[in-house]
Amino acid sequence: MIVIKIGGSIVEGLHPSILDDILEIYQREKIVLVHGGGKDVTSIATSIGKEQKFIVSPEGKRSRYTDKETSIIYTMVMSGKVNKYITLMLSNKGILSVGITGIDGETIKAQRKKKLIVLNEKGRKMVIDGGYTGKVSAINPKLINILLDNGYLPVISPVALSEEYEFLNIDGDRAAANIAAALRADVIIFITNVNGLIMDGKLVENLTLNDANRILPKIGPGMEKKILSSTEALALGVEKSIIASGSVENPILSALSHTNCTVIIK
């Protein structure tokens, strides 16, 4: 079982051979895709007159502020445009896929963040309402397994169900980590725009879970989320996490052969 986290567009910035890789894996074992799509959300929200607000945490992490209206747009774009475009591309390769969200079958439940600590324009800390973002609290893999057992490739958008039955924006990387753990996946692969973790100008090819936890505070925004999600997946039972570039030829097969990427094991 392999879980793969990809960006919002399966063609933009990714090598077209990624679809051949997915087809090859799909023909021999179970595979699940989890996708992002933040750029599409921003683009469409802006086009319909909903200006997007971004906040910065005290640690310097930039993220979307999701109010009620944005949560609806986020769900619409992720579950409609992005998710269905990916299933369309997979169908064109002869891959039977089904696009779902975390809402369907109560697959992903999340706890809504009540308050957020952010930096204001002067760099001072302030507390704001948490909006409609959440942290994964539970994964119900039943629907995913029904799809897998019947020969379908699930394509999952990171929209979660809150305790109050609302749409929540959740982090795609961490959603993928929790899904991989719930499915007892052997491997999780994070496809990104670089070859893996770069430290001191060099690619870090191999890490243990302990290594990853130790160096986590030294890693900058962006890659930090990939490493954090990797540690969460491994701590929850996944055997291996791979962070690899999507722009190289056969990106997934290259990652599985540990070519020019970062591999983290227990």
C-alpha atoms as a PDB file:
ATOM      1  CA  MET A   1       0.000   0.000   0.000  1.00  0.00           C
ATOM      2  CA  ILE A   2       1.358   3.405  -1.036  1.00  0.00           C
ATOM      3  CA  VAL A   3      -0.042   6.833  -0.161  1.00  0.00           C
ATOM      4  CA  ILE A   4       1.129   9.735  -2.323  1.00  0.00           C
ATOM      5  CA  LYS A   5       0.679  13.419  -1.535  1.00  0.00           C
ATOM      6  CA  ILE A   6       0.811  15.628  -4.638  1.00  0.00           C
ATOM      7  CA  GLY A   7       0.230  19.300  -5.345  1.00  0.00           C
ATOM      8  CA  GLY A   8      -3.046  20.687  -6.561  1.00  0.00           C
ATOM      9  CA  SER A   9      -2.334  20.322 -10.275  1.00  0.00           C
ATOM     10  CA  ILE A  10      -1.122  16.991 -11.559  1.00  0.00           C
ATOM     11  CA  VAL A  11       0.375  18.652 -14.639  1.00  0.00           C
ATOM     12  CA  GLU A  12       1.619  22.067 -13.543  1.00  0.00           C
ATOM     13  CA  GLY A  13       5.274  21.712 -12.550  1.00  0.00           C
ATOM     14  CA  LEU A  14       5.119  17.924 -12.505  1.00  0.00           C
ATOM     15  CA  HIS A  15       6.734  15.650 -15.069  1.00  0.00           C
ATOM     16  CA  PRO A  16       3.997  14.120 -17.261  1.00  0.00           C
ATOM     17  CA  SER A  17       5.481  10.651 -16.661  1.00  0.00           C
ATOM     18  CA  ILE A  18       4.031  10.783 -13.139  1.00  0.00           C
ATOM     19  CA  LEU A  19       0.816   9.447 -14.660  1.00  0.00           C
ATOM     20  CA  ASP A  20       2.701   6.472 -16.126  1.00  0.00           C
ATOM     21  CA  ASP A  21       4.187   5.836 -12.688  1.00  0.00           C
ATOM     22  CA  ILE A  22       0.762   5.892 -11.054  1.00  0.00           C
ATOM     23  CA  LEU A  23      -0.600   3.509 -13.690  1.00  0.00           C
ATOM     24  CA  GLU A  24       2.259   1.046 -13.166  1.00  0.00           C
ATOM     25  CA  ILE A  25       1.782   1.033  -9.397  1.00  0.00           C
ATOM     26  CA  TYR A  26      -2.031   0.878  -9.698  1.00  0.00           C
ATOM     27  CA  GLN A  27      -1.723  -2.309 -11.789  1.00  0.00           C
ATOM     28  CA  ARG A  28       0.218  -4.145  -9.088  1.00  0.00           C
ATOM     29  CA  GLU A  29      -0.792  -2.760  -5.685  1.00  0.00           C
ATOM     30  CA  LYS A  30      -3.127  -0.446  -3.818  1.00  0.00           C
ATOM     31  CA  ILE A  31      -2.452   3.264  -4.115  1.00  0.00           C
ATOM     32  CA  VAL A  32      -4.114   6.374  -2.660  1.00  0.00           C
ATOM     33  CA  LEU A  33      -3.603   9.992  -3.734  1.00  0.00           C
ATOM     34  CA  VAL A  34      -4.028  12.986  -1.437  1.00  0.00           C
ATOM     35  CA  HIS A  35      -3.824  16.380  -3.129  1.00  0.00           C
ATOM     36  CA  GLY A  36      -3.434  20.065  -2.344  1.00  0.00           C
ATOM     37  CA  GLY A  37      -4.647  23.033  -4.369  1.00  0.00           C
ATOM     38  CA  GLY A  38      -3.989  26.264  -2.514  1.00  0.00           C
ATOM     39  CA  LYS A  39      -3.039  28.246  -5.632  1.00  0.00           C
ATOM     40  CA  ASP A  40      -6.322  27.341  -7.318  1.00  0.00           C
ATOM     41  CA  VAL A  41      -8.277  28.353  -4.220  1.00  0.00           C
ATOM     42  CA  THR A  42      -6.555  31.743  -4.144  1.00  0.00           C
ATOM     43  CA  SER A  43      -7.029  32.300  -7.875  1.00  0.00           C
ATOM     44  CA  ILE A  44     -10.728  31.440  -7.950  1.00  0.00           C
ATOM     45  CA  ALA A  45     -11.541  33.231  -4.687  1.00  0.00           C
ATOM     46  CA  THR A  46      -9.881  36.385  -6.001  1.00  0.00           C
ATOM     47  CA  SER A  47     -11.692  36.110  -9.350  1.00  0.00           C
ATOM     48  CA  ILE A  48     -15.087  36.093  -7.620  1.00  0.00           C
ATOM     49  CA  GLY A  49     -14.189  39.025  -5.399  1.00  0.00           C
ATOM     50  CA  LYS A  50     -13.220  37.265  -2.172  1.00  0.00           C
ATOM     51  CA  GLU A  51      -9.833  38.622  -1.181  1.00  0.00           C
ATOM     52  CA  GLN A  52      -7.669  36.011   0.519  1.00  0.00           C
ATOM     53  CA  LYS A  53      -5.990  36.813   3.818  1.00  0.00           C
ATOM     54  CA  PHE A  54      -2.756  35.159   4.875  1.00  0.00           C
ATOM     55  CA  ILE A  55      -1.398  35.066   8.403  1.00  0.00           C
ATOM     56  CA  VAL A  56       2.061  34.453   9.848  1.00  0.00           C
ATOM     57  CA  SER A  57       2.659  32.370  12.978  1.00  0.00           C
ATOM     58  CA  PRO A  58       5.274  33.309  15.607  1.00  0.00           C
ATOM     59  CA  GLU A  59       7.473  30.597  14.036  1.00  0.00           C
ATOM     60  CA  GLY A  60       7.295  32.380  10.683  1.00  0.00           C
ATOM     61  CA  LYS A  61       4.892  29.990   8.963  1.00  0.00           C
ATOM     62  CA  ARG A  62       2.541  31.618   6.454  1.00  0.00           C
ATOM     63  CA  SER A  63      -0.926  30.155   5.971  1.00  0.00           C
ATOM     64  CA  ARG A  64      -4.365  31.016   4.638  1.00  0.00           C
ATOM     65  CA  TYR A  65      -6.859  32.488   7.068  1.00  0.00           C
ATOM     66  CA  THR A  66     -10.077  30.573   6.472  1.00  0.00           C
ATOM     67  CA  ASP A  67     -13.241  32.430   7.409  1.00  0.00           C
ATOM     68  CA  LYS A  68     -16.737  30.996   6.793  1.00  0.00           C
ATOM     69  CA  GLU A  69     -16.993  32.197   3.188  1.00  0.00           C
ATOM     70  CA  THR A  70     -13.462  31.042   2.370  1.00  0.00           C
ATOM     71  CA  SER A  71     -14.206  27.596   3.831  1.00  0.00           C
ATOM     72  CA  ILE A  72     -17.029  27.213   1.301  1.00  0.00           C
ATOM     73  CA  ILE A  73     -14.855  28.399  -1.590  1.00  0.00           C
ATOM     74  CA  TYR A  74     -12.020  26.150  -0.393  1.00  0.00           C
ATOM     75  CA  THR A  75     -14.349  23.137  -0.348  1.00  0.00           C
ATOM     76  CA  MET A  76     -15.801  24.017  -3.745  1.00  0.00           C
ATOM     77  CA  VAL A  77     -12.412  24.364  -5.459  1.00  0.00           C
ATOM     78  CA  MET A  78     -10.699  21.431  -3.744  1.00  0.00           C
ATOM     79  CA  SER A  79     -13.588  18.998  -4.103  1.00  0.00           C
ATOM     80  CA  GLY A  80     -14.774  20.214  -7.477  1.00  0.00           C
ATOM     81  CA  LYS A  81     -12.172  21.715  -9.791  1.00  0.00           C
ATOM     82  CA  VAL A  82      -8.930  20.211  -8.443  1.00  0.00           C
ATOM     83  CA  ASN A  83     -10.191  16.812  -7.346  1.00  0.00           C
ATOM     84  CA  LYS A  84     -12.188  16.130 -10.490  1.00  0.00           C
ATOM     85  CA  TYR A  85      -9.444  17.361 -12.778  1.00  0.00           C
ATOM     86  CA  ILE A  86      -7.090  14.787 -11.229  1.00  0.00           C
ATOM     87  CA  THR A  87      -9.635  11.986 -11.640  1.00  0.00           C
ATOM     88  CA  LEU A  88     -10.089  13.114 -15.247  1.00  0.00           C
ATOM     89  CA  MET A  89      -6.340  12.855 -15.909  1.00  0.00           C
ATOM     90  CA  LEU A  90      -6.230   9.409 -14.299  1.00  0.00           C
ATOM     91  CA  SER A  91      -9.207   8.214 -16.364  1.00  0.00           C
ATOM     92  CA  ASN A  92      -7.352   9.297 -19.496  1.00  0.00           C
ATOM     93  CA  LYS A  93      -4.626   6.816 -18.488  1.00  0.00           C
ATOM     94  CA  GLY A  94      -7.104   3.991 -17.962  1.00  0.00           C
ATOM     95  CA  ILE A  95      -7.046   4.291 -14.179  1.00  0.00           C
ATOM     96  CA  LEU A  96     -10.391   3.902 -12.405  1.00  0.00           C
ATOM     97  CA  SER A  97     -10.435   6.559  -9.701  1.00  0.00           C
ATOM     98  CA  VAL A  98     -12.975   8.101  -7.345  1.00  0.00           C
ATOM     99  CA  GLY A  99     -12.556  11.587  -5.928  1.00  0.00           C
ATOM    100  CA  ILE A 100     -13.710  12.132  -2.359  1.00  0.00           C
ATOM    101  CA  THR A 101     -13.213  14.596   0.470  1.00  0.00           C
ATOM    102  CA  GLY A 102     -12.753  14.000   4.163  1.00  0.00           C
ATOM    103  CA  ILE A 103     -16.460  14.816   4.525  1.00  0.00           C
ATOM    104  CA  ASP A 104     -17.547  11.748   2.535  1.00  0.00           C
ATOM    105  CA  GLY A 105     -18.094   8.783   4.812  1.00  0.00           C
ATOM    106  CA  GLU A 106     -16.789  10.968   7.666  1.00  0.00           C
ATOM    107  CA  THR A 107     -13.353   9.923   6.433  1.00  0.00           C
ATOM    108  CA  ILE A 108     -11.460  12.806   8.055  1.00  0.00           C
ATOM    109  CA  LYS A 109     -12.616  14.419  11.272  1.00  0.00           C
ATOM    110  CA  ALA A 110     -10.773  17.419  12.635  1.00  0.00           C
ATOM    111  CA  GLN A 111     -10.843  19.612  15.695  1.00  0.00           C
ATOM    112  CA  ARG A 112     -11.499  23.231  14.850  1.00  0.00           C
ATOM    113  CA  LYS A 113      -8.825  25.623  16.046  1.00  0.00           C
ATOM    114  CA  LYS A 114     -10.615  28.029  18.371  1.00  0.00           C
ATOM    115  CA  LYS A 115      -7.809  30.598  18.592  1.00  0.00           C
ATOM    116  CA  LEU A 116      -4.687  31.364  16.566  1.00  0.00           C
ATOM    117  CA  ILE A 117      -1.569  33.231  17.697  1.00  0.00           C
ATOM    118  CA  VAL A 118      -0.268  35.342  14.818  1.00  0.00           C
ATOM    119  CA  LEU A 119       2.130  38.192  14.188  1.00  0.00           C
ATOM    120  CA  ASN A 120       0.658  41.578  13.291  1.00  0.00           C
ATOM    121  CA  GLU A 121       2.195  44.004  10.792  1.00  0.00           C
ATOM    122  CA  LYS A 122       4.582  45.258  13.480  1.00  0.00           C
ATOM    123  CA  GLY A 123       5.742  41.734  14.294  1.00  0.00           C
ATOM    124  CA  ARG A 124       3.925  41.562  17.604  1.00  0.00           C
ATOM    125  CA  LYS A 125       1.954  38.531  18.760  1.00  0.00           C
ATOM    126  CA  MET A 126      -1.813  38.742  18.802  1.00  0.00           C
ATOM    127  CA  VAL A 127      -4.653  36.270  19.310  1.00  0.00           C
ATOM    128  CA  ILE A 128      -7.373  35.974  16.667  1.00  0.00           C
ATOM    129  CA  ASP A 129     -10.368  33.713  16.138  1.00  0.00           C
ATOM    130  CA  GLY A 130      -9.331  30.346  14.703  1.00  0.00           C
ATOM    131  CA  GLY A 131     -11.719  30.518  11.766  1.00  0.00           C
ATOM    132  CA  TYR A 132     -12.407  27.318   9.860  1.00  0.00           C
ATOM    133  CA  THR A 133      -9.071  25.541  10.026  1.00  0.00           C
ATOM    134  CA  GLY A 134      -8.563  22.312  11.887  1.00  0.00           C
ATOM    135  CA  LYS A 135      -6.198  19.632  13.081  1.00  0.00           C
ATOM    136  CA  VAL A 136      -6.937  16.008  12.174  1.00  0.00           C
ATOM    137  CA  SER A 137      -8.443  14.156  15.121  1.00  0.00           C
ATOM    138  CA  ALA A 138      -9.632  10.899  13.527  1.00  0.00           C
ATOM    139  CA  ILE A 139      -9.510   8.971  10.256  1.00  0.00           C
ATOM    140  CA  ASN A 140     -12.228   6.502   9.300  1.00  0.00           C
ATOM    141  CA  PRO A 141     -10.687   4.417   6.478  1.00  0.00           C
ATOM    142  CA  LYS A 142     -13.841   2.383   5.726  1.00  0.00           C
ATOM    143  CA  LEU A 143     -14.854   4.231   2.542  1.00  0.00           C
ATOM    144  CA  ILE A 144     -11.255   4.326   1.263  1.00  0.00           C
ATOM    145  CA  ASN A 145     -10.928   0.569   1.807  1.00  0.00           C
ATOM    146  CA  ILE A 146     -14.241  -0.122   0.028  1.00  0.00           C
ATOM    147  CA  LEU A 147     -12.911   1.768  -2.998  1.00  0.00           C
ATOM    148  CA  LEU A 148      -9.519   0.035  -2.882  1.00  0.00           C
ATOM    149  CA  ASP A 149     -11.050  -3.411  -2.493  1.00  0.00           C
ATOM    150  CA  ASN A 150     -13.154  -2.812  -5.608  1.00  0.00           C
ATOM    151  CA  GLY A 151     -10.267  -1.721  -7.815  1.00  0.00           C
ATOM    152  CA  TYR A 152     -10.606   2.051  -7.542  1.00  0.00           C
ATOM    153  CA  LEU A 153      -7.869   4.557  -6.804  1.00  0.00           C
ATOM    154  CA  PRO A 154      -9.145   7.033  -4.175  1.00  0.00           C
ATOM    155  CA  VAL A 155      -8.231  10.689  -4.769  1.00  0.00           C
ATOM    156  CA  ILE A 156      -8.728  12.612  -1.532  1.00  0.00           C
ATOM    157  CA  SER A 157      -9.009  16.371  -1.043  1.00  0.00           C
ATOM    158  CA  PRO A 158      -8.078  17.721   2.410  1.00  0.00           C
ATOM    159  CA  VAL A 159     -11.455  19.017   3.544  1.00  0.00           C
ATOM    160  CA  ALA A 160     -12.380  17.723   6.982  1.00  0.00           C
ATOM    161  CA  LEU A 161     -15.539  17.444   9.050  1.00  0.00           C
ATOM    162  CA  SER A 162     -15.593  19.432  12.288  1.00  0.00           C
ATOM    163  CA  GLU A 163     -17.209  18.338  15.531  1.00  0.00           C
ATOM    164  CA  GLU A 164     -19.960  20.868  14.729  1.00  0.00           C
ATOM    165  CA  TYR A 165     -20.398  19.401  11.200  1.00  0.00           C
ATOM    166  CA  GLU A 166     -18.691  22.235   9.336  1.00  0.00           C
ATOM    167  CA  PHE A 167     -16.175  22.278   6.489  1.00  0.00           C
ATOM    168  CA  LEU A 168     -12.612  22.655   7.755  1.00  0.00           C
ATOM    169  CA  ASN A 169      -9.452  23.519   5.851  1.00  0.00           C
ATOM    170  CA  ILE A 170      -6.726  21.108   6.983  1.00  0.00           C
ATOM    171  CA  ASP A 171      -3.091  20.721   6.015  1.00  0.00           C
ATOM    172  CA  GLY A 172      -2.754  18.294   3.089  1.00  0.00           C
ATOM    173  CA  ASP A 173       0.600  16.855   4.171  1.00  0.00           C
ATOM    174  CA  ARG A 174      -0.577  16.037   7.671  1.00  0.00           C
ATOM    175  CA  ALA A 175      -3.865  14.689   6.324  1.00  0.00           C
ATOM    176  CA  ALA A 176      -1.864  12.349   4.064  1.00  0.00           C
ATOM    177  CA  ALA A 177       0.257  11.209   7.023  1.00  0.00           C
ATOM    178  CA  ASN A 178      -2.811  10.337   9.093  1.00  0.00           C
ATOM    179  CA  ILE A 179      -4.508   8.590   6.166  1.00  0.00           C
ATOM    180  CA  ALA A 180      -1.369   6.520   5.510  1.00  0.00           C
ATOM    181  CA  ALA A 181      -1.282   5.476   9.152  1.00  0.00           C
ATOM    182  CA  ALA A 182      -4.979   4.555   9.234  1.00  0.00           C
ATOM    183  CA  LEU A 183      -4.546   2.433   6.093  1.00  0.00           C
ATOM    184  CA  ARG A 184      -1.400   0.809   7.509  1.00  0.00           C
ATOM    185  CA  ALA A 185       0.474   1.873   4.392  1.00  0.00           C
ATOM    186  CA  ASP A 186       4.025   0.666   3.850  1.00  0.00           C
ATOM    187  CA  VAL A 187       5.191   3.924   2.265  1.00  0.00           C
ATOM    188  CA  ILE A 188       4.120   7.548   2.076  1.00  0.00           C
ATOM    189  CA  ILE A 189       5.599   9.751  -0.650  1.00  0.00           C
ATOM    190  CA  PHE A 190       5.522  13.538  -0.585  1.00  0.00           C
ATOM    191  CA  ILE A 191       5.962  14.869  -4.113  1.00  0.00           C
ATOM    192  CA  THR A 192       7.278  18.430  -3.986  1.00  0.00           C
ATOM    193  CA  ASN A 193       9.263  20.936  -6.069  1.00  0.00           C
ATOM    194  CA  VAL A 194      12.723  20.030  -4.734  1.00  0.00           C
ATOM    195  CA  ASN A 195      14.648  16.761  -4.470  1.00  0.00           C
ATOM    196  CA  GLY A 196      14.141  16.528  -0.723  1.00  0.00           C
ATOM    197  CA  LEU A 197      15.568  18.017   2.443  1.00  0.00           C
ATOM    198  CA  ILE A 198      18.532  20.300   1.711  1.00  0.00           C
ATOM    199  CA  MET A 199      20.833  21.148   4.628  1.00  0.00           C
ATOM    200  CA  ASP A 200      24.145  22.994   4.345  1.00  0.00           C
ATOM    201  CA  GLY A 201      23.677  23.031   0.575  1.00  0.00           C
ATOM    202  CA  LYS A 202      23.476  19.243   0.317  1.00  0.00           C
ATOM    203  CA  LEU A 203      20.639  16.784  -0.178  1.00  0.00           C
ATOM    204  CA  VAL A 204      20.004  14.697   2.940  1.00  0.00           C
ATOM    205  CA  GLU A 205      19.433  11.261   1.452  1.00  0.00           C
ATOM    206  CA  ASN A 206      18.719   9.188   4.567  1.00  0.00           C
ATOM    207  CA  LEU A 207      17.279   9.883   7.994  1.00  0.00           C
ATOM    208  CA  THR A 208      15.914   7.839  10.859  1.00  0.00           C
ATOM    209  CA  LEU A 209      12.812   8.936  12.732  1.00  0.00           C
ATOM    210  CA  ASN A 210      15.019  10.038  15.631  1.00  0.00           C
ATOM    211  CA  ASP A 211      17.244  12.046  13.264  1.00  0.00           C
ATOM    212  CA  ALA A 212      14.215  13.765  11.747  1.00  0.00           C
ATOM    213  CA  ASN A 213      12.779  14.702  15.145  1.00  0.00           C
ATOM    214  CA  ARG A 214      16.152  16.059  16.246  1.00  0.00           C
ATOM    215  CA  ILE A 215      16.714  18.347  13.252  1.00  0.00           C
ATOM    216  CA  LEU A 216      13.072  19.443  12.849  1.00  0.00           C
ATOM    217  CA  PRO A 217      13.560  22.790  14.689  1.00  0.00           C
ATOM    218  CA  LYS A 218      16.362  23.714  12.262  1.00  0.00           C
ATOM    219  CA  ILE A 219      14.284  23.246   9.098  1.00  0.00           C
ATOM    220  CA  GLY A 220      12.670  26.232   7.387  1.00  0.00           C
ATOM    221  CA  PRO A 221       9.013  26.711   6.432  1.00  0.00           C
ATOM    222  CA  GLY A 222       7.756  24.539   3.587  1.00  0.00           C
ATOM    223  CA  MET A 223      10.033  21.559   4.028  1.00  0.00           C
ATOM    224  CA  GLU A 224       9.436  21.657   7.776  1.00  0.00           C
ATOM    225  CA  LYS A 225       5.824  20.558   7.189  1.00  0.00           C
ATOM    226  CA  LYS A 226       6.959  17.619   5.031  1.00  0.00           C
ATOM    227  CA  ILE A 227       9.419  16.431   7.697  1.00  0.00           C
ATOM    228  CA  LEU A 228       6.883  16.923  10.484  1.00  0.00           C
ATOM    229  CA  SER A 229       4.275  14.957   8.541  1.00  0.00           C
ATOM    230  CA  SER A 230       6.832  12.236   7.884  1.00  0.00           C
ATOM    231  CA  THR A 231       7.599  11.903  11.589  1.00  0.00           C
ATOM    232  CA  GLU A 232       3.881  11.727  12.387  1.00  0.00           C
ATOM    233  CA  ALA A 233       3.312   9.006   9.796  1.00  0.00           C
ATOM    234  CA  LEU A 234       6.250   6.915  11.027  1.00  0.00           C
ATOM    235  CA  ALA A 235       5.293   7.359  14.685  1.00  0.00           C
ATOM    236  CA  LEU A 236       1.813   6.064  13.795  1.00  0.00           C
ATOM    237  CA  GLY A 237       3.126   2.914  12.096  1.00  0.00           C
ATOM    238  CA  VAL A 238       4.076   3.727   8.488  1.00  0.00           C
ATOM    239  CA  GLU A 239       7.404   2.073   7.651  1.00  0.00           C
ATOM    240  CA  LYS A 240       8.941   4.668   5.345  1.00  0.00           C
ATOM    241  CA  SER A 241       8.486   8.253   4.177  1.00  0.00           C
ATOM    242  CA  ILE A 242      10.021   9.632   0.985  1.00  0.00           C
ATOM    243  CA  ILE A 243      10.262  13.289  -0.012  1.00  0.00           C
ATOM    244  CA  ALA A 244      11.002  13.694  -3.714  1.00  0.00           C
ATOM    245  CA  SER A 245      10.817  16.070  -6.664  1.00  0.00           C
ATOM    246  CA  GLY A 246       7.885  15.874  -9.048  1.00  0.00           C
ATOM    247  CA  SER A 247       9.753  17.533 -11.905  1.00  0.00           C
ATOM    248  CA  VAL A 248      12.122  14.642 -12.700  1.00  0.00           C
ATOM    249  CA  GLU A 249      11.275  11.839 -15.116  1.00  0.00           C
ATOM    250  CA  ASN A 250       9.264   9.025 -13.499  1.00  0.00           C
ATOM    251  CA  PRO A 251       9.175  10.869 -10.166  1.00  0.00           C
ATOM    252  CA  ILE A 252       7.339   8.208  -8.156  1.00  0.00           C
ATOM    253  CA  LEU A 253       9.295   5.212  -9.427  1.00  0.00           C
ATOM    254  CA  SER A 254      12.521   7.180  -8.881  1.00  0.00           C
ATOM    255  CA  ALA A 255      11.431   7.917  -5.312  1.00  0.00           C
ATOM    256  CA  LEU A 256      10.633   4.258  -4.666  1.00  0.00           C
ATOM    257  CA  SER A 257      14.124   3.342  -5.893  1.00  0.00           C
ATOM    258  CA  HIS A 258      15.546   5.974  -3.496  1.00  0.00           C
ATOM    259  CA  THR A 259      17.082   7.986  -6.348  1.00  0.00           C
ATOM    260  CA  ASN A 260      17.965  11.600  -5.536  1.00  0.00           C
ATOM    261  CA  CYS A 261      15.456  12.045  -2.706  1.00  0.00           C
ATOM    262  CA  THR A 262      15.161  12.019   1.089  1.00  0.00           C
ATOM    263  CA  VAL A 263      14.195   8.703   2.677  1.00  0.00           C
ATOM    264  CA  ILE A 264      13.115   8.570   6.327  1.00  0.00           C
ATOM    265  CA  ILE A 265      12.742   5.236   8.114  1.00  0.00           C
ATOM    266  CA  LYS A 266      11.918   4.215  11.662  1.00  0.00           C
END
